[in-house]
Amino acid sequence: MFRKMKNIDTAFRYVRLFTLVIVTGNLLLCGYIVYRTNVTLTANKGKVYVMVNGKLVEAVAMERNIPVELRDHIRTFHTLFFTLSPDEKAIQAQITKALYLADGSARREYQNLKEAGYYSNLISGNISQTIDIDSIELDMGVTPYKFRCIGRQYITRPTSVLTRSIVTQGYVRTGMIQSDNNSHGFLIERWEIVSNNDIKTESR
């Protein structure tokens, strides 16, 4: 009877030792996993990965340069809005892209031009139009940021090229959701054409 009790006591000690080893091993393994996870997260902090043509490319997240992005947003909007060819579908495609970058003020300007027959005249007269942006002035003192855009329009007719000066102004609101249609996440507000005057006409 005494030997039997001794065997049970020995077996219990072995089980207790085995359990202690297993628990200790699990704790050490969990601690190592947490440590390696923290090391990996710290090493990859600020890095993002993007797919480019089916390949995974590492990109480093940097602080945004708001003035540069604002100027690019404004330039893109004006280029889309004022670069037109004598094709109804092409005009509609350009204007649609431009209107994603601005509020209802740009749509009102488009509707006014459309009702005045501006786009119909481009199509019927086989006229194309491009714009060069000379400068974009920004007031970064307060949001939304006020801007003034100065450029030149080139209206190409079958027999001549008309050069016009154009000045527009408005405000840009930040903090919008970035998307394929609005990559910067900005929105032009209260946009208006201040002046649009002829400079010269050259024969082709």
Protein backbone atom coordinates (compact mmCIF):
# COMPACT_ATOMS: atom_id res chain seq x y z
CA MET A 1 0.00 0.00 0.00
CA PHE A 2 2.85 2.36 0.88
CA ARG A 3 4.64 1.61 -2.43
CA LYS A 4 1.41 2.31 -4.34
CA MET A 5 1.01 5.71 -2.66
CA LYS A 6 4.66 6.48 -3.41
CA ASN A 7 4.16 5.65 -7.11
CA ILE A 8 1.06 7.90 -7.26
CA ASP A 9 3.01 10.73 -5.61
CA THR A 10 5.88 10.31 -8.09
CA ALA A 11 3.48 10.25 -11.04
CA PHE A 12 1.79 13.40 -9.74
CA ARG A 13 5.17 15.15 -9.50
CA TYR A 14 6.01 14.19 -13.08
CA VAL A 15 2.65 15.48 -14.33
CA ARG A 16 3.12 18.71 -12.40
CA LEU A 17 6.66 19.14 -13.77
CA PHE A 18 5.50 18.40 -17.33
CA THR A 19 2.62 20.90 -17.00
CA LEU A 20 4.98 23.55 -15.61
CA VAL A 21 7.39 23.03 -18.54
CA ILE A 22 4.55 23.30 -21.07
CA VAL A 23 3.11 26.49 -19.50
CA THR A 24 6.57 28.08 -19.21
CA GLY A 25 7.34 27.17 -22.82
CA ASN A 26 4.05 28.70 -24.01
CA LEU A 27 4.71 31.91 -22.06
CA LEU A 28 8.20 32.20 -23.52
CA LEU A 29 6.86 31.56 -27.04
CA CYS A 30 4.11 34.20 -26.63
CA GLY A 31 6.65 36.72 -25.31
CA TYR A 32 8.93 36.06 -28.30
CA ILE A 33 6.03 36.48 -30.75
CA VAL A 34 5.01 39.79 -29.16
CA TYR A 35 8.62 41.00 -29.24
CA ARG A 36 9.14 40.07 -32.91
CA THR A 37 5.80 41.63 -33.85
CA ASN A 38 6.77 44.93 -32.22
CA VAL A 39 10.18 44.86 -33.93
CA THR A 40 8.55 44.22 -37.32
CA LEU A 41 5.90 46.93 -36.86
CA THR A 42 8.56 49.45 -35.79
CA ALA A 43 10.75 48.60 -38.78
CA ASN A 44 7.84 48.95 -41.23
CA LYS A 45 6.33 52.07 -39.69
CA GLY A 46 5.62 54.66 -42.38
CA LYS A 47 5.87 52.16 -45.22
CA VAL A 48 3.06 51.19 -47.56
CA TYR A 49 2.98 48.72 -50.39
CA VAL A 50 1.18 49.36 -53.67
CA MET A 51 0.50 47.24 -56.73
CA VAL A 52 2.03 48.69 -59.92
CA ASN A 53 1.42 46.69 -63.08
CA GLY A 54 0.91 43.56 -61.03
CA LYS A 55 4.08 44.04 -58.96
CA LEU A 56 4.26 44.86 -55.27
CA VAL A 57 6.24 48.07 -54.78
CA GLU A 58 7.29 49.59 -51.47
CA ALA A 59 6.44 53.24 -50.95
CA VAL A 60 7.38 55.41 -47.99
CA ALA A 61 4.66 57.60 -46.51
CA MET A 62 5.76 61.22 -46.33
CA GLU A 63 4.25 64.40 -45.01
CA ARG A 64 2.01 66.02 -47.62
CA ASN A 65 3.18 69.17 -49.37
CA ILE A 66 -0.19 70.94 -49.41
CA PRO A 67 0.74 74.01 -51.54
CA VAL A 68 2.20 71.80 -54.28
CA GLU A 69 -0.85 69.51 -54.22
CA LEU A 70 -3.21 72.50 -54.28
CA ARG A 71 -1.52 73.97 -57.36
CA ASP A 72 -1.62 70.60 -59.09
CA HIS A 73 -5.32 70.19 -58.28
CA ILE A 74 -6.12 73.67 -59.62
CA ARG A 75 -3.99 73.15 -62.74
CA THR A 76 -5.61 69.78 -63.43
CA PHE A 77 -9.12 71.21 -63.08
CA HIS A 78 -8.42 74.10 -65.48
CA THR A 79 -6.70 71.83 -67.99
CA LEU A 80 -9.66 69.45 -68.02
CA PHE A 81 -12.27 72.22 -68.14
CA PHE A 82 -10.65 74.28 -70.91
CA THR A 83 -8.96 71.65 -73.10
CA LEU A 84 -11.64 70.84 -75.65
CA SER A 85 -11.85 69.26 -79.08
CA PRO A 86 -14.70 69.46 -81.63
CA ASP A 87 -16.26 66.21 -80.47
CA GLU A 88 -19.31 66.06 -78.25
CA LYS A 89 -18.28 62.87 -76.43
CA ALA A 90 -14.74 64.13 -75.86
CA ILE A 91 -16.07 67.42 -74.47
CA GLN A 92 -18.46 65.60 -72.15
CA ALA A 93 -15.68 63.29 -70.94
CA GLN A 94 -13.36 66.22 -70.17
CA ILE A 95 -16.04 68.24 -68.38
CA THR A 96 -17.17 65.21 -66.35
CA LYS A 97 -13.62 64.66 -65.08
CA ALA A 98 -13.28 68.38 -64.25
CA LEU A 99 -16.56 68.50 -62.32
CA TYR A 100 -15.33 65.83 -59.90
CA LEU A 101 -12.73 68.39 -58.75
CA ALA A 102 -15.09 71.31 -58.08
CA ASP A 103 -18.47 72.12 -56.54
CA GLY A 104 -21.66 73.41 -58.16
CA SER A 105 -20.05 76.71 -59.18
CA ALA A 106 -18.13 74.91 -61.95
CA ARG A 107 -21.27 73.09 -63.06
CA ARG A 108 -23.13 76.42 -63.27
CA GLU A 109 -20.36 77.87 -65.44
CA TYR A 110 -20.55 74.80 -67.68
CA GLN A 111 -24.33 75.11 -67.96
CA ASN A 112 -24.04 78.82 -68.83
CA LEU A 113 -21.55 78.09 -71.60
CA LYS A 114 -23.67 75.22 -72.87
CA GLU A 115 -26.84 77.32 -72.96
CA ALA A 116 -24.95 80.10 -74.78
CA GLY A 117 -24.06 77.58 -77.50
CA TYR A 118 -20.33 77.66 -76.78
CA TYR A 119 -19.75 73.92 -77.12
CA SER A 120 -22.06 73.64 -80.14
CA ASN A 121 -20.01 76.33 -81.87
CA LEU A 122 -16.80 74.40 -81.16
CA ILE A 123 -18.25 71.28 -82.75
CA SER A 124 -19.87 72.96 -85.77
CA GLY A 125 -16.86 75.19 -86.42
CA ASN A 126 -14.32 72.36 -86.03
CA ILE A 127 -12.59 74.40 -83.31
CA SER A 128 -10.23 73.04 -80.65
CA GLN A 129 -9.13 74.75 -77.48
CA THR A 130 -6.18 74.38 -75.10
CA ILE A 131 -4.94 76.27 -72.04
CA ASP A 132 -1.53 77.07 -70.57
CA ILE A 133 -1.39 78.01 -66.89
CA ASP A 134 1.07 80.86 -66.30
CA SER A 135 0.73 81.14 -62.53
CA ILE A 136 -1.37 80.08 -59.57
CA GLU A 137 -1.44 82.40 -56.56
CA LEU A 138 -2.41 80.85 -53.22
CA ASP A 139 -3.38 82.41 -49.91
CA MET A 140 -2.37 79.81 -47.32
CA GLY A 141 -3.38 82.00 -44.37
CA VAL A 142 -6.85 80.55 -43.83
CA THR A 143 -8.93 77.62 -45.02
CA PRO A 144 -10.54 77.16 -47.44
CA TYR A 145 -7.51 78.41 -49.37
CA LYS A 146 -8.17 81.23 -51.81
CA PHE A 147 -6.51 81.03 -55.22
CA ARG A 148 -6.12 83.09 -58.37
CA CYS A 149 -5.24 81.30 -61.60
CA ILE A 150 -3.76 83.16 -64.58
CA GLY A 151 -3.34 81.56 -67.97
CA ARG A 152 -3.73 81.72 -71.73
CA GLN A 153 -6.27 80.03 -73.95
CA TYR A 154 -5.47 79.02 -77.50
CA ILE A 155 -8.53 78.63 -79.70
CA THR A 156 -7.58 76.95 -82.96
CA ARG A 157 -9.93 77.49 -85.90
CA PRO A 158 -9.49 76.07 -89.42
CA THR A 159 -7.92 79.37 -90.61
CA SER A 160 -6.62 81.09 -87.46
CA VAL A 161 -5.45 80.77 -83.85
CA LEU A 162 -6.93 83.11 -81.25
CA THR A 163 -4.94 83.73 -78.07
CA ARG A 164 -6.89 84.89 -75.02
CA SER A 165 -5.89 85.76 -71.48
CA ILE A 166 -7.91 84.14 -68.73
CA VAL A 167 -8.05 84.82 -65.01
CA THR A 168 -10.12 82.74 -62.60
CA GLN A 169 -10.43 82.65 -58.85
CA GLY A 170 -12.03 80.61 -56.13
CA TYR A 171 -11.34 78.62 -52.98
CA VAL A 172 -10.06 75.11 -52.36
CA ARG A 173 -11.40 72.99 -49.52
CA THR A 174 -9.21 70.16 -48.23
CA GLY A 175 -10.05 67.05 -46.25
CA MET A 176 -12.22 65.32 -48.84
CA ILE A 177 -11.92 61.57 -49.40
CA GLN A 178 -9.31 60.69 -52.00
CA SER A 179 -10.52 58.61 -54.92
CA ASP A 180 -9.68 57.70 -58.50
CA ASN A 181 -11.71 60.71 -59.65
CA ASN A 182 -10.18 63.08 -57.09
CA SER A 183 -6.70 61.88 -56.21
CA HIS A 184 -5.81 64.81 -53.88
CA GLY A 185 -9.10 64.87 -51.99
CA PHE A 186 -9.58 68.62 -52.59
CA LEU A 187 -12.63 70.51 -53.84
CA ILE A 188 -12.70 73.85 -55.68
CA GLU A 189 -15.48 76.10 -54.39
CA ARG A 190 -17.00 79.44 -55.45
CA TRP A 191 -15.11 79.27 -58.73
CA GLU A 192 -15.55 82.10 -61.22
CA ILE A 193 -13.97 83.45 -64.39
CA VAL A 194 -12.79 86.96 -63.56
CA SER A 195 -11.67 87.95 -67.07
CA ASN A 196 -11.26 86.33 -70.48
CA ASN A 197 -9.96 88.77 -73.10
CA ASP A 198 -8.56 88.48 -76.62
CA ILE A 199 -4.83 89.10 -76.97
CA LYS A 200 -4.11 88.36 -80.62
CA THR A 201 -5.22 86.42 -83.69
CA GLU A 202 -2.77 84.70 -86.02
CA SER A 203 -3.47 83.18 -89.41
CA ARG A 204 -2.68 79.51 -89.94
